[in-house]
PDB file of N, CA and C in Angstrom:
ATOM      1  N   MET A   1     131.865 105.874 109.665  1.00  0.00           N
ATOM      2  CA  MET A   1     130.594 106.849 109.363  1.00  0.00           C
ATOM      3  C   MET A   1     130.173 106.879 108.350  1.00  0.00           C
ATOM      4  N   VAL A   2     129.013 107.073 108.250  1.00  0.00           N
ATOM      5  CA  VAL A   2     128.270 106.391 107.346  1.00  0.00           C
ATOM      6  C   VAL A   2     128.252 108.285 106.576  1.00  0.00           C
ATOM      7  N   VAL A   3     127.950 108.205 105.255  1.00  0.00           N
ATOM      8  CA  VAL A   3     127.900 109.611 104.134  1.00  0.00           C
ATOM      9  C   VAL A   3     126.707 109.718 103.526  1.00  0.00           C
ATOM     10  N   GLN A   4     125.968 110.464 103.442  1.00  0.00           N
ATOM     11  CA  GLN A   4     124.447 111.032 102.806  1.00  0.00           C
ATOM     12  C   GLN A   4     124.940 110.967 101.742  1.00  0.00           C
ATOM     13  N   ARG A   5     124.537 110.272 100.373  1.00  0.00           N
ATOM     14  CA  ARG A   5     124.366 111.511  99.259  1.00  0.00           C
ATOM     15  C   ARG A   5     123.231 111.491  99.159  1.00  0.00           C
ATOM     16  N   GLU A   6     123.447 113.033  98.830  1.00  0.00           N
ATOM     17  CA  GLU A   6     121.957 113.855  98.262  1.00  0.00           C
ATOM     18  C   GLU A   6     121.303 111.977  97.116  1.00  0.00           C
ATOM     19  N   LEU A   7     119.561 112.206  97.529  1.00  0.00           N
ATOM     20  CA  LEU A   7     118.882 111.111  96.400  1.00  0.00           C
ATOM     21  C   LEU A   7     118.797 111.780  94.894  1.00  0.00           C
ATOM     22  N   SER A   8     119.010 110.810  94.370  1.00  0.00           N
ATOM     23  CA  SER A   8     119.177 111.084  93.147  1.00  0.00           C
ATOM     24  C   SER A   8     117.114 111.256  92.576  1.00  0.00           C
ATOM     25  N   GLU A   9     117.336 111.639  91.160  1.00  0.00           N
ATOM     26  CA  GLU A   9     115.433 112.418  90.705  1.00  0.00           C
ATOM     27  C   GLU A   9     115.224 110.927  91.427  1.00  0.00           C
ATOM     28  N   ALA A  10     115.457 109.727  90.523  1.00  0.00           N
ATOM     29  CA  ALA A  10     114.705 108.884  90.787  1.00  0.00           C
ATOM     30  C   ALA A  10     113.993 107.848  92.048  1.00  0.00           C
ATOM     31  N   GLU A  11     114.768 108.593  92.927  1.00  0.00           N
ATOM     32  CA  GLU A  11     114.509 108.367  94.628  1.00  0.00           C
ATOM     33  C   GLU A  11     114.075 108.943  94.795  1.00  0.00           C
ATOM     34  N   VAL A  12     114.047 110.670  94.869  1.00  0.00           N
ATOM     35  CA  VAL A  12     112.951 111.568  95.052  1.00  0.00           C
ATOM     36  C   VAL A  12     111.169 111.121  94.353  1.00  0.00           C
ATOM     37  N   ASP A  13     111.259 110.999  92.832  1.00  0.00           N
ATOM     38  CA  ASP A  13     110.537 110.773  92.349  1.00  0.00           C
ATOM     39  C   ASP A  13     109.470 109.048  93.214  1.00  0.00           C
ATOM     40  N   ARG A  14     110.325 108.168  93.783  1.00  0.00           N
ATOM     41  CA  ARG A  14     109.820 106.773  94.097  1.00  0.00           C
ATOM     42  C   ARG A  14     109.271 106.862  96.281  1.00  0.00           C
ATOM     43  N   VAL A  15     109.878 108.525  96.772  1.00  0.00           N
ATOM     44  CA  VAL A  15     109.995 108.701  97.954  1.00  0.00           C
ATOM     45  C   VAL A  15     108.855 109.830  97.894  1.00  0.00           C
ATOM     46  N   PHE A  16     108.282 110.288  97.229  1.00  0.00           N
ATOM     47  CA  PHE A  16     107.392 111.268  96.957  1.00  0.00           C
ATOM     48  C   PHE A  16     105.795 110.816  96.563  1.00  0.00           C
ATOM     49  N   HIS A  17     106.571 109.304  95.911  1.00  0.00           N
ATOM     50  CA  HIS A  17     104.902 108.837  95.084  1.00  0.00           C
ATOM     51  C   HIS A  17     104.901 107.875  96.428  1.00  0.00           C
ATOM     52  N   ALA A  18     105.423 107.324  97.641  1.00  0.00           N
ATOM     53  CA  ALA A  18     105.292 106.364  98.604  1.00  0.00           C
ATOM     54  C   ALA A  18     104.388 107.619  99.783  1.00  0.00           C
ATOM     55  N   LEU A  19     105.312 108.539  99.560  1.00  0.00           N
ATOM     56  CA  LEU A  19     104.166 109.294 100.879  1.00  0.00           C
ATOM     57  C   LEU A  19     103.084 109.876 100.591  1.00  0.00           C
ATOM     58  N   ALA A  20     102.231 109.618  98.889  1.00  0.00           N
ATOM     59  CA  ALA A  20     101.648 110.075  98.656  1.00  0.00           C
ATOM     60  C   ALA A  20      99.828 110.106  99.104  1.00  0.00           C
ATOM     61  N   THR A  21      99.890 108.680  99.286  1.00  0.00           N
ATOM     62  CA  THR A  21      98.631 108.476  99.768  1.00  0.00           C
ATOM     63  C   THR A  21      99.219 108.125 101.600  1.00  0.00           C
ATOM     64  N   SER A  22      98.081 108.963 102.263  1.00  0.00           N
ATOM     65  CA  SER A  22      97.858 108.350 103.964  1.00  0.00           C
ATOM     66  C   SER A  22      98.136 106.984 104.401  1.00  0.00           C
ATOM     67  N   THR A  23      97.806 106.329 103.870  1.00  0.00           N
ATOM     68  CA  THR A  23      97.692 104.343 104.124  1.00  0.00           C
ATOM     69  C   THR A  23      99.343 104.057 103.804  1.00  0.00           C
ATOM     70  N   ARG A  24     100.130 104.839 103.507  1.00  0.00           N
ATOM     71  CA  ARG A  24     100.925 104.626 103.290  1.00  0.00           C
ATOM     72  C   ARG A  24     102.886 105.264 104.571  1.00  0.00           C
ATOM     73  N   ARG A  25     101.384 106.670 104.636  1.00  0.00           N
ATOM     74  CA  ARG A  25     102.164 107.036 105.448  1.00  0.00           C
ATOM     75  C   ARG A  25     101.804 106.429 107.091  1.00  0.00           C
ATOM     76  N   ASP A  26     100.277 105.458 107.156  1.00  0.00           N
ATOM     77  CA  ASP A  26     100.155 105.597 108.862  1.00  0.00           C
ATOM     78  C   ASP A  26     100.955 104.601 108.517  1.00  0.00           C
ATOM     79  N   ILE A  27     101.936 103.445 107.533  1.00  0.00           N
ATOM     80  CA  ILE A  27     102.395 102.077 108.014  1.00  0.00           C
ATOM     81  C   ILE A  27     103.526 102.478 108.033  1.00  0.00           C
ATOM     82  N   LEU A  28     104.325 103.651 107.590  1.00  0.00           N
ATOM     83  CA  LEU A  28     105.906 104.223 108.123  1.00  0.00           C
ATOM     84  C   LEU A  28     105.243 104.302 109.043  1.00  0.00           C
ATOM     85  N   ARG A  29     104.381 105.207 109.970  1.00  0.00           N
ATOM     86  CA  ARG A  29     104.135 105.643 111.184  1.00  0.00           C
ATOM     87  C   ARG A  29     104.556 104.610 112.345  1.00  0.00           C
ATOM     88  N   ARG A  30     103.502 103.430 111.760  1.00  0.00           N
ATOM     89  CA  ARG A  30     103.781 101.778 112.633  1.00  0.00           C
ATOM     90  C   ARG A  30     104.890 101.187 112.629  1.00  0.00           C
ATOM     91  N   THR A  31     105.598 101.200 111.467  1.00  0.00           N
ATOM     92  CA  THR A  31     107.054 100.496 111.699  1.00  0.00           C
ATOM     93  C   THR A  31     108.496 100.745 111.885  1.00  0.00           C
ATOM     94  N   ILE A  32     108.071 102.712 112.561  1.00  0.00           N
ATOM     95  CA  ILE A  32     108.873 104.028 112.796  1.00  0.00           C
ATOM     96  C   ILE A  32     108.590 102.931 114.334  1.00  0.00           C
ATOM     97  N   GLU A  33     107.522 102.924 115.092  1.00  0.00           N
ATOM     98  CA  GLU A  33     107.225 102.743 116.238  1.00  0.00           C
ATOM     99  C   GLU A  33     107.645 101.512 116.884  1.00  0.00           C
ATOM    100  N   ARG A  34     107.487 100.353 115.607  1.00  0.00           N
ATOM    101  CA  ARG A  34     107.907  98.777 115.922  1.00  0.00           C
ATOM    102  C   ARG A  34     108.111  97.900 115.332  1.00  0.00           C
ATOM    103  N   GLU A  35     109.251  96.655 115.093  1.00  0.00           N
ATOM    104  CA  GLU A  35     108.471  96.463 113.505  1.00  0.00           C
ATOM    105  C   GLU A  35     107.418  95.493 113.822  1.00  0.00           C
ATOM    106  N   GLN A  36     107.358  95.258 113.009  1.00  0.00           N
ATOM    107  CA  GLN A  36     105.751  94.596 112.915  1.00  0.00           C
ATOM    108  C   GLN A  36     105.628  93.536 111.578  1.00  0.00           C
ATOM    109  N   SER A  37     104.744  92.413 111.220  1.00  0.00           N
ATOM    110  CA  SER A  37     104.729  91.728 110.238  1.00  0.00           C
ATOM    111  C   SER A  37     103.463  91.889 109.842  1.00  0.00           C
ATOM    112  N   VAL A  38     103.245  92.345 108.266  1.00  0.00           N
ATOM    113  CA  VAL A  38     102.571  93.077 107.336  1.00  0.00           C
ATOM    114  C   VAL A  38     101.541  92.107 107.295  1.00  0.00           C
ATOM    115  N   SER A  39     101.511  90.696 107.746  1.00  0.00           N
ATOM    116  CA  SER A  39      99.603  90.839 108.419  1.00  0.00           C
ATOM    117  C   SER A  39      99.168  91.502 109.783  1.00  0.00           C
ATOM    118  N   THR A  40      99.699  91.630 110.362  1.00  0.00           N
ATOM    119  CA  THR A  40      99.363  92.635 111.376  1.00  0.00           C
ATOM    120  C   THR A  40      99.252  94.093 111.041  1.00  0.00           C
ATOM    121  N   LEU A  41     100.186  94.296 110.265  1.00  0.00           N
ATOM    122  CA  LEU A  41      99.622  95.273 109.529  1.00  0.00           C
ATOM    123  C   LEU A  41      98.241  95.626 108.421  1.00  0.00           C
ATOM    124  N   ALA A  42      98.501  94.339 107.770  1.00  0.00           N
ATOM    125  CA  ALA A  42      96.611  94.402 107.956  1.00  0.00           C
ATOM    126  C   ALA A  42      95.802  94.026 108.193  1.00  0.00           C
ATOM    127  N   SER A  43      96.287  93.575 108.987  1.00  0.00           N
ATOM    128  CA  SER A  43      95.174  93.484 110.399  1.00  0.00           C
ATOM    129  C   SER A  43      93.560  95.547 110.495  1.00  0.00           C
ATOM    130  N   GLU A  44      94.367  96.056 110.364  1.00  0.00           N
ATOM    131  CA  GLU A  44      94.385  97.280 110.926  1.00  0.00           C
ATOM    132  C   GLU A  44      93.551  98.439 109.990  1.00  0.00           C
ATOM    133  N   TYR A  45      93.960  97.700 109.122  1.00  0.00           N
ATOM    134  CA  TYR A  45      92.697  98.431 107.510  1.00  0.00           C
ATOM    135  C   TYR A  45      91.764  97.662 106.976  1.00  0.00           C
ATOM    136  N   GLU A  46      90.860  98.641 106.846  1.00  0.00           N
ATOM    137  CA  GLU A  46      89.428  97.699 106.234  1.00  0.00           C
ATOM    138  C   GLU A  46      90.112  97.399 104.558  1.00  0.00           C
ATOM    139  N   MET A  47      90.883  97.166 104.063  1.00  0.00           N
ATOM    140  CA  MET A  47      91.286  96.737 102.865  1.00  0.00           C
ATOM    141  C   MET A  47      91.798  95.397 103.319  1.00  0.00           C
ATOM    142  N   SER A  48      92.038  94.766 102.177  1.00  0.00           N
ATOM    143  CA  SER A  48      92.614  92.860 101.412  1.00  0.00           C
ATOM    144  C   SER A  48      94.077  93.159 102.215  1.00  0.00           C
ATOM    145  N   PHE A  49      94.387  91.892 102.617  1.00  0.00           N
ATOM    146  CA  PHE A  49      96.009  91.660 102.107  1.00  0.00           C
ATOM    147  C   PHE A  49      96.587  91.899 101.665  1.00  0.00           C
ATOM    148  N   ALA A  50      96.659  91.288 100.200  1.00  0.00           N
ATOM    149  CA  ALA A  50      96.877  91.771  99.433  1.00  0.00           C
ATOM    150  C   ALA A  50      97.162  93.550  98.404  1.00  0.00           C
ATOM    151  N   ALA A  51      95.707  94.488  98.783  1.00  0.00           N
ATOM    152  CA  ALA A  51      96.528  95.558  99.170  1.00  0.00           C
ATOM    153  C   ALA A  51      97.141  95.900 100.168  1.00  0.00           C
ATOM    154  N   VAL A  52      97.072  96.046 101.048  1.00  0.00           N
ATOM    155  CA  VAL A  52      98.265  96.262 102.182  1.00  0.00           C
ATOM    156  C   VAL A  52      99.995  95.645 101.416  1.00  0.00           C
ATOM    157  N   GLN A  53     100.102  94.664 100.929  1.00  0.00           N
ATOM    158  CA  GLN A  53     101.205  94.438 100.671  1.00  0.00           C
ATOM    159  C   GLN A  53     101.643  94.936  99.738  1.00  0.00           C
ATOM    160  N   LYS A  54     100.463  95.557  98.906  1.00  0.00           N
ATOM    161  CA  LYS A  54     101.336  96.137  97.149  1.00  0.00           C
ATOM    162  C   LYS A  54     101.976  98.084  98.240  1.00  0.00           C
ATOM    163  N   HIS A  55     101.179  98.343  99.330  1.00  0.00           N
ATOM    164  CA  HIS A  55     101.446  99.751  99.753  1.00  0.00           C
ATOM    165  C   HIS A  55     103.232  99.117 100.158  1.00  0.00           C
ATOM    166  N   VAL A  56     102.549  98.016 101.030  1.00  0.00           N
ATOM    167  CA  VAL A  56     103.710  97.763 101.400  1.00  0.00           C
ATOM    168  C   VAL A  56     105.368  97.553 101.049  1.00  0.00           C
ATOM    169  N   SER A  57     104.748  97.205  99.940  1.00  0.00           N
ATOM    170  CA  SER A  57     105.853  97.456  98.346  1.00  0.00           C
ATOM    171  C   SER A  57     106.050  98.564  97.961  1.00  0.00           C
ATOM    172  N   VAL A  58     105.806  99.452  97.832  1.00  0.00           N
ATOM    173  CA  VAL A  58     105.365 101.289  97.687  1.00  0.00           C
ATOM    174  C   VAL A  58     106.364 101.583  98.778  1.00  0.00           C
ATOM    175  N   LEU A  59     106.429 101.046  99.578  1.00  0.00           N
ATOM    176  CA  LEU A  59     107.813 101.811 100.975  1.00  0.00           C
ATOM    177  C   LEU A  59     108.654 100.931 100.642  1.00  0.00           C
ATOM    178  N   GLU A  60     108.756  99.456 100.332  1.00  0.00           N
ATOM    179  CA  GLU A  60     110.438  99.001 100.364  1.00  0.00           C
ATOM    180  C   GLU A  60     110.677  99.241  99.068  1.00  0.00           C
ATOM    181  N   ALA A  61     109.981  99.884  97.887  1.00  0.00           N
ATOM    182  CA  ALA A  61     110.835 100.185  96.785  1.00  0.00           C
ATOM    183  C   ALA A  61     111.429 101.919  96.613  1.00  0.00           C
ATOM    184  N   ALA A  62     111.039 102.390  97.675  1.00  0.00           N
ATOM    185  CA  ALA A  62     111.172 104.404  98.071  1.00  0.00           C
ATOM    186  C   ALA A  62     112.206 103.458  99.123  1.00  0.00           C
ATOM    187  N   ASN A  63     113.272 102.937  99.464  1.00  0.00           N
ATOM    188  CA  ASN A  63     112.948 102.170 100.419  1.00  0.00           C
ATOM    189  C   ASN A  63     113.576 102.884 101.604  1.00  0.00           C
ATOM    190  N   LEU A  64     111.829 103.258 102.027  1.00  0.00           N
ATOM    191  CA  LEU A  64     111.536 104.056 103.376  1.00  0.00           C
ATOM    192  C   LEU A  64     111.036 102.744 104.171  1.00  0.00           C
ATOM    193  N   ILE A  65     111.328 101.566 104.159  1.00  0.00           N
ATOM    194  CA  ILE A  65     111.319 100.584 104.805  1.00  0.00           C
ATOM    195  C   ILE A  65     112.060  99.358 104.582  1.00  0.00           C
ATOM    196  N   VAL A  66     112.346  98.496 105.361  1.00  0.00           N
ATOM    197  CA  VAL A  66     113.752  97.454 105.050  1.00  0.00           C
ATOM    198  C   VAL A  66     112.133  95.884 106.194  1.00  0.00           C
ATOM    199  N   LYS A  67     111.600  95.159 104.841  1.00  0.00           N
ATOM    200  CA  LYS A  67     111.519  93.707 104.898  1.00  0.00           C
ATOM    201  C   LYS A  67     112.288  92.729 104.966  1.00  0.00           C
ATOM    202  N   ARG A  68     111.878  92.064 106.076  1.00  0.00           N
ATOM    203  CA  ARG A  68     113.339  90.400 106.170  1.00  0.00           C
ATOM    204  C   ARG A  68     111.981  89.038 106.349  1.00  0.00           C
ATOM    205  N   ALA A  69     112.462  88.789 105.674  1.00  0.00           N
ATOM    206  CA  ALA A  69     111.776  87.066 106.644  1.00  0.00           C
ATOM    207  C   ALA A  69     112.007  86.843 107.803  1.00  0.00           C
ATOM    208  N   GLU A  70     110.853  86.206 108.376  1.00  0.00           N
ATOM    209  CA  GLU A  70     111.561  85.399 109.529  1.00  0.00           C
ATOM    210  C   GLU A  70     110.378  84.210 109.850  1.00  0.00           C
ATOM    211  N   GLY A  71     110.936  83.349 109.552  1.00  0.00           N
ATOM    212  CA  GLY A  71     110.206  82.095 108.869  1.00  0.00           C
ATOM    213  C   GLY A  71     108.978  82.476 107.989  1.00  0.00           C
ATOM    214  N   ARG A  72     107.910  81.577 108.679  1.00  0.00           N
ATOM    215  CA  ARG A  72     106.903  82.246 107.375  1.00  0.00           C
ATOM    216  C   ARG A  72     106.330  83.728 107.671  1.00  0.00           C
ATOM    217  N   GLU A  73     106.497  84.502 108.024  1.00  0.00           N
ATOM    218  CA  GLU A  73     106.852  86.182 108.676  1.00  0.00           C
ATOM    219  C   GLU A  73     107.104  86.475 107.925  1.00  0.00           C
ATOM    220  N   ARG A  74     106.468  88.460 107.126  1.00  0.00           N
ATOM    221  CA  ARG A  74     107.143  89.360 106.323  1.00  0.00           C
ATOM    222  C   ARG A  74     107.014  90.319 107.839  1.00  0.00           C
ATOM    223  N   LEU A  75     108.546  90.488 108.155  1.00  0.00           N
ATOM    224  CA  LEU A  75     108.147  91.829 109.415  1.00  0.00           C
ATOM    225  C   LEU A  75     109.256  92.724 108.586  1.00  0.00           C
ATOM    226  N   VAL A  76     108.686  94.019 108.524  1.00  0.00           N
ATOM    227  CA  VAL A  76     108.157  95.365 108.506  1.00  0.00           C
ATOM    228  C   VAL A  76     108.866  96.357 109.511  1.00  0.00           C
ATOM    229  N   ARG A  77     109.983  97.318 109.146  1.00  0.00           N
ATOM    230  CA  ARG A  77     110.585  98.364 109.982  1.00  0.00           C
ATOM    231  C   ARG A  77     110.772  99.496 108.641  1.00  0.00           C
ATOM    232  N   ALA A  78     111.104 100.826 109.781  1.00  0.00           N
ATOM    233  CA  ALA A  78     110.972 101.820 109.215  1.00  0.00           C
ATOM    234  C   ALA A  78     112.874 101.670 108.938  1.00  0.00           C
ATOM    235  N   ASN A  79     113.117 101.980 107.904  1.00  0.00           N
ATOM    236  CA  ASN A  79     114.660 103.002 107.487  1.00  0.00           C
ATOM    237  C   ASN A  79     114.822 104.072 107.786  1.00  0.00           C
ATOM    238  N   PRO A  80     115.726 103.664 109.040  1.00  0.00           N
ATOM    239  CA  PRO A  80     115.640 105.785 109.525  1.00  0.00           C
ATOM    240  C   PRO A  80     116.397 106.225 108.635  1.00  0.00           C
ATOM    241  N   GLU A  81     118.119 105.948 107.813  1.00  0.00           N
ATOM    242  CA  GLU A  81     118.782 106.420 106.544  1.00  0.00           C
ATOM    243  C   GLU A  81     117.883 106.610 105.544  1.00  0.00           C
ATOM    244  N   MET A  82     117.573 106.299 104.914  1.00  0.00           N
ATOM    245  CA  MET A  82     116.097 106.952 104.034  1.00  0.00           C
ATOM    246  C   MET A  82     115.580 107.693 104.399  1.00  0.00           C
ATOM    247  N   ILE A  83     114.799 107.610 106.049  1.00  0.00           N
ATOM    248  CA  ILE A  83     113.932 108.937 106.301  1.00  0.00           C
ATOM    249  C   ILE A  83     114.748 110.781 106.646  1.00  0.00           C
ATOM    250  N   ALA A  84     116.067 109.683 107.252  1.00  0.00           N
ATOM    251  CA  ALA A  84     116.610 111.191 107.603  1.00  0.00           C
ATOM    252  C   ALA A  84     117.224 111.692 106.333  1.00  0.00           C
ATOM    253  N   ARG A  85     117.454 110.987 104.869  1.00  0.00           N
ATOM    254  CA  ARG A  85     117.921 111.811 104.317  1.00  0.00           C
ATOM    255  C   ARG A  85     116.430 112.500 103.015  1.00  0.00           C
ATOM    256  N   ALA A  86     115.772 112.021 103.414  1.00  0.00           N
ATOM    257  CA  ALA A  86     114.096 112.510 102.817  1.00  0.00           C
ATOM    258  C   ALA A  86     114.296 113.818 103.562  1.00  0.00           C
ATOM    259  N   ARG A  87     114.070 113.637 104.975  1.00  0.00           N
ATOM    260  CA  ARG A  87     113.475 115.247 106.252  1.00  0.00           C
ATOM    261  C   ARG A  87     114.874 116.359 104.776  1.00  0.00           C
ATOM    262  N   ALA A  88     116.137 115.266 105.194  1.00  0.00           N
ATOM    263  CA  ALA A  88     116.993 117.103 105.116  1.00  0.00           C
ATOM    264  C   ALA A  88     117.027 117.470 103.234  1.00  0.00           C
ATOM    265  N   LEU A  89     116.932 116.525 102.713  1.00  0.00           N
ATOM    266  CA  LEU A  89     115.649 116.931 100.953  1.00  0.00           C
ATOM    267  C   LEU A  89     114.988 118.263 101.045  1.00  0.00           C
ATOM    268  N   LEU A  90     113.674 117.882 102.519  1.00  0.00           N
ATOM    269  CA  LEU A  90     112.519 118.333 102.256  1.00  0.00           C
ATOM    270  C   LEU A  90     113.431 119.289 103.145  1.00  0.00           C
ATOM    271  N   ALA A  91     114.361 119.545 104.022  1.00  0.00           N
ATOM    272  CA  ALA A  91     114.786 120.611 104.621  1.00  0.00           C
ATOM    273  C   ALA A  91     115.772 122.281 103.858  1.00  0.00           C
ATOM    274  N   ARG A  92     115.949 120.914 102.996  1.00  0.00           N
ATOM    275  CA  ARG A  92     116.228 121.468 101.804  1.00  0.00           C
ATOM    276  C   ARG A  92     115.425 122.751 100.647  1.00  0.00           C
ATOM    277  N   TYR A  93     114.865 122.011 100.434  1.00  0.00           N
ATOM    278  CA  TYR A  93     112.822 122.748 100.027  1.00  0.00           C
ATOM    279  C   TYR A  93     112.860 124.092 100.631  1.00  0.00           C
ATOM    280  N   GLU A  94     112.762 123.597 102.613  1.00  0.00           N
ATOM    281  CA  GLU A  94     111.994 124.805 103.216  1.00  0.00           C
ATOM    282  C   GLU A  94     113.585 126.049 103.006  1.00  0.00           C
ATOM    283  N   GLU A  95     114.591 126.220 103.484  1.00  0.00           N
ATOM    284  CA  GLU A  95     115.663 126.765 103.485  1.00  0.00           C
ATOM    285  C   GLU A  95     115.319 127.560 101.729  1.00  0.00           C
ATOM    286  N   LEU A  96     114.982 126.516 100.737  1.00  0.00           N
ATOM    287  CA  LEU A  96     115.327 127.743  99.154  1.00  0.00           C
ATOM    288  C   LEU A  96     113.493 128.598 100.029  1.00  0.00           C
ATOM    289  N   TRP A  97     112.987 128.076  99.953  1.00  0.00           N
ATOM    290  CA  TRP A  97     111.334 128.571  99.854  1.00  0.00           C
ATOM    291  C   TRP A  97     111.598 129.940 101.060  1.00  0.00           C
ATOM    292  N   ARG A  98     112.066 129.572 102.512  1.00  0.00           N
ATOM    293  CA  ARG A  98     112.579 131.070 103.290  1.00  0.00           C
ATOM    294  C   ARG A  98     113.118 131.708 102.494  1.00  0.00           C
ATOM    295  N   SER A  99     114.864 131.601 102.030  1.00  0.00           N
ATOM    296  CA  SER A  99     115.539 132.819 101.673  1.00  0.00           C
ATOM    297  C   SER A  99     114.430 133.226 100.040  1.00  0.00           C
ATOM    298  N   ARG A 100     113.070 132.697  99.423  1.00  0.00           N
ATOM    299  CA  ARG A 100     112.666 133.160  98.852  1.00  0.00           C
ATOM    300  C   ARG A 100     111.431 134.655  99.056  1.00  0.00           C
ATOM    301  N   ILE A 101     111.373 133.720 100.331  1.00  0.00           N
ATOM    302  CA  ILE A 101     110.101 134.805 100.862  1.00  0.00           C
ATOM    303  C   ILE A 101     110.988 136.293 101.409  1.00  0.00           C
ATOM    304  N   ALA A 102     112.400 135.548 102.373  1.00  0.00           N
ATOM    305  CA  ALA A 102     112.583 137.238 102.410  1.00  0.00           C
ATOM    306  C   ALA A 102     113.306 137.792 101.486  1.00  0.00           C
ATOM    307  N   ARG A 103     113.710 137.057 100.700  1.00  0.00           N
ATOM    308  CA  ARG A 103     114.335 138.611  99.466  1.00  0.00           C
ATOM    309  C   ARG A 103     112.809 139.368  98.799  1.00  0.00           C
ATOM    310  N   LEU A 104     111.619 138.454  98.376  1.00  0.00           N
ATOM    311  CA  LEU A 104     110.572 139.132  98.542  1.00  0.00           C
ATOM    312  C   LEU A 104     110.097 139.921  99.250  1.00  0.00           C
ATOM    313  N   ASP A 105     110.254 139.622 101.044  1.00  0.00           N
ATOM    314  CA  ASP A 105     110.340 140.376 101.837  1.00  0.00           C
ATOM    315  C   ASP A 105     110.603 141.825 101.833  1.00  0.00           C
ATOM    316  N   ASP A 106     112.508 141.994 102.054  1.00  0.00           N
ATOM    317  CA  ASP A 106     112.963 143.127 101.528  1.00  0.00           C
ATOM    318  C   ASP A 106     112.697 143.810 100.721  1.00  0.00           C
ATOM    319  N   LEU A 107     111.963 143.660  99.355  1.00  0.00           N
ATOM    320  CA  LEU A 107     111.655 143.538  98.038  1.00  0.00           C
ATOM    321  C   LEU A 107     110.489 144.612  98.362  1.00  0.00           C
ATOM    322  N   LEU A 108     109.672 144.177  98.845  1.00  0.00           N
ATOM    323  CA  LEU A 108     108.357 144.991  99.621  1.00  0.00           C
ATOM    324  C   LEU A 108     108.699 146.075 100.965  1.00  0.00           C
ATOM    325  N   ALA A 109     109.642 146.087 100.957  1.00  0.00           N
ATOM    326  CA  ALA A 109     109.726 146.596 102.598  1.00  0.00           C
ATOM    327  C   ALA A 109     110.948 148.258 102.086  1.00  0.00           C
ATOM    328  N   GLU A 110     111.064 147.800 100.335  1.00  0.00           N
ATOM    329  CA  GLU A 110     111.492 149.102  99.799  1.00  0.00           C
ATOM    330  C   GLU A 110     110.516 150.592 100.123  1.00  0.00           C
ATOM    331  N   PRO A 111     110.796 151.186 100.399  1.00  0.00           N
ATOM    332  CA  PRO A 111     109.666 152.596  99.835  1.00  0.00           C
ATOM    333  C   PRO A 111     109.791 152.671  98.062  1.00  0.00           C
ATOM    334  N   ALA A 112     108.369 152.682  97.751  1.00  0.00           N
ATOM    335  CA  ALA A 112     108.645 152.836  96.186  1.00  0.00           C
ATOM    336  C   ALA A 112     108.600 154.225  95.937  1.00  0.00           C
ATOM    337  N   PRO A 113     109.199 154.681  94.990  1.00  0.00           N
ATOM    338  CA  PRO A 113     109.878 156.424  94.083  1.00  0.00           C
ATOM    339  C   PRO A 113     108.171 156.628  94.624  1.00  0.00           C
ATOM    340  N   THR A 114     108.452 158.155  95.279  1.00  0.00           N
ATOM    341  CA  THR A 114     106.881 159.270  94.816  1.00  0.00           C
ATOM    342  C   THR A 114     107.139 159.731  92.607  1.00  0.00           C
ATOM    343  N   GLN A 115     106.184 160.106  92.631  1.00  0.00           N
ATOM    344  CA  GLN A 115     106.245 160.618  91.090  1.00  0.00           C
ATOM    345  C   GLN A 115     107.669 161.580  90.742  1.00  0.00           C
ATOM    346  N   ASN A 116     107.168 162.804  92.343  1.00  0.00           N
ATOM    347  CA  ASN A 116     107.976 163.676  92.562  1.00  0.00           C
ATOM    348  C   ASN A 116     109.394 163.445  92.045  1.00  0.00           C
ATOM    349  N   GLU A 117     109.343 162.818  93.190  1.00  0.00           N
ATOM    350  CA  GLU A 117     111.003 162.209  93.138  1.00  0.00           C
ATOM    351  C   GLU A 117     112.154 162.284  91.860  1.00  0.00           C
ATOM    352  N   PRO A 118     113.202 162.681  91.510  1.00  0.00           N
ATOM    353  CA  PRO A 118     113.885 162.037  90.515  1.00  0.00           C
ATOM    354  C   PRO A 118     114.408 160.046  90.415  1.00  0.00           C
ATOM    355  N   LYS A 119     115.178 159.948  89.847  1.00  0.00           N
ATOM    356  CA  LYS A 119     114.689 158.221  90.443  1.00  0.00           C
ATOM    357  C   LYS A 119     116.603 158.313  90.350  1.00  0.00           C
ATOM    358  N   GLU A 120     117.575 157.594  90.985  1.00  0.00           N
ATOM    359  CA  GLU A 120     118.397 157.392  90.721  1.00  0.00           C
ATOM    360  C   GLU A 120     119.326 156.691  89.694  1.00  0.00           C
ATOM    361  N   GLU A 121     120.215 157.559  88.930  1.00  0.00           N
ATOM    362  CA  GLU A 121     120.988 157.477  88.117  1.00  0.00           C
ATOM    363  C   GLU A 121     122.274 156.318  88.457  1.00  0.00           C
ATOM    364  N   ASP A 122     122.328 155.031  88.158  1.00  0.00           N
ATOM    365  CA  ASP A 122     123.172 153.857  87.754  1.00  0.00           C
ATOM    366  C   ASP A 122     124.580 154.926  87.917  1.00  0.00           C
TER     367      ASP A 122
END
């Protein structure tokens, strides 16, 4: 059984930094679909191989992808465990905001006392 621990602050920072650019999000999407070589990934973008390699390194540092050597090639695949952990973190943020909005809705739904009505004493 795999126990998912909460992400540390440093891990959260790395994940959000890694997902901050569209190129890295696209690389992650491509590697979710199937394992690919870095050179295959690089051929899909109008940037240098070195630039794509840097994007891959940022994703790897965030543990969102896993890179392995096969002969002379470096193959990249998404890391579903870290993606699930990041998704769980975002779900917790969503729940936090939904509960805050619900409380605000409840406050706004309460009728405001009129000036002539006496205020309730505790």
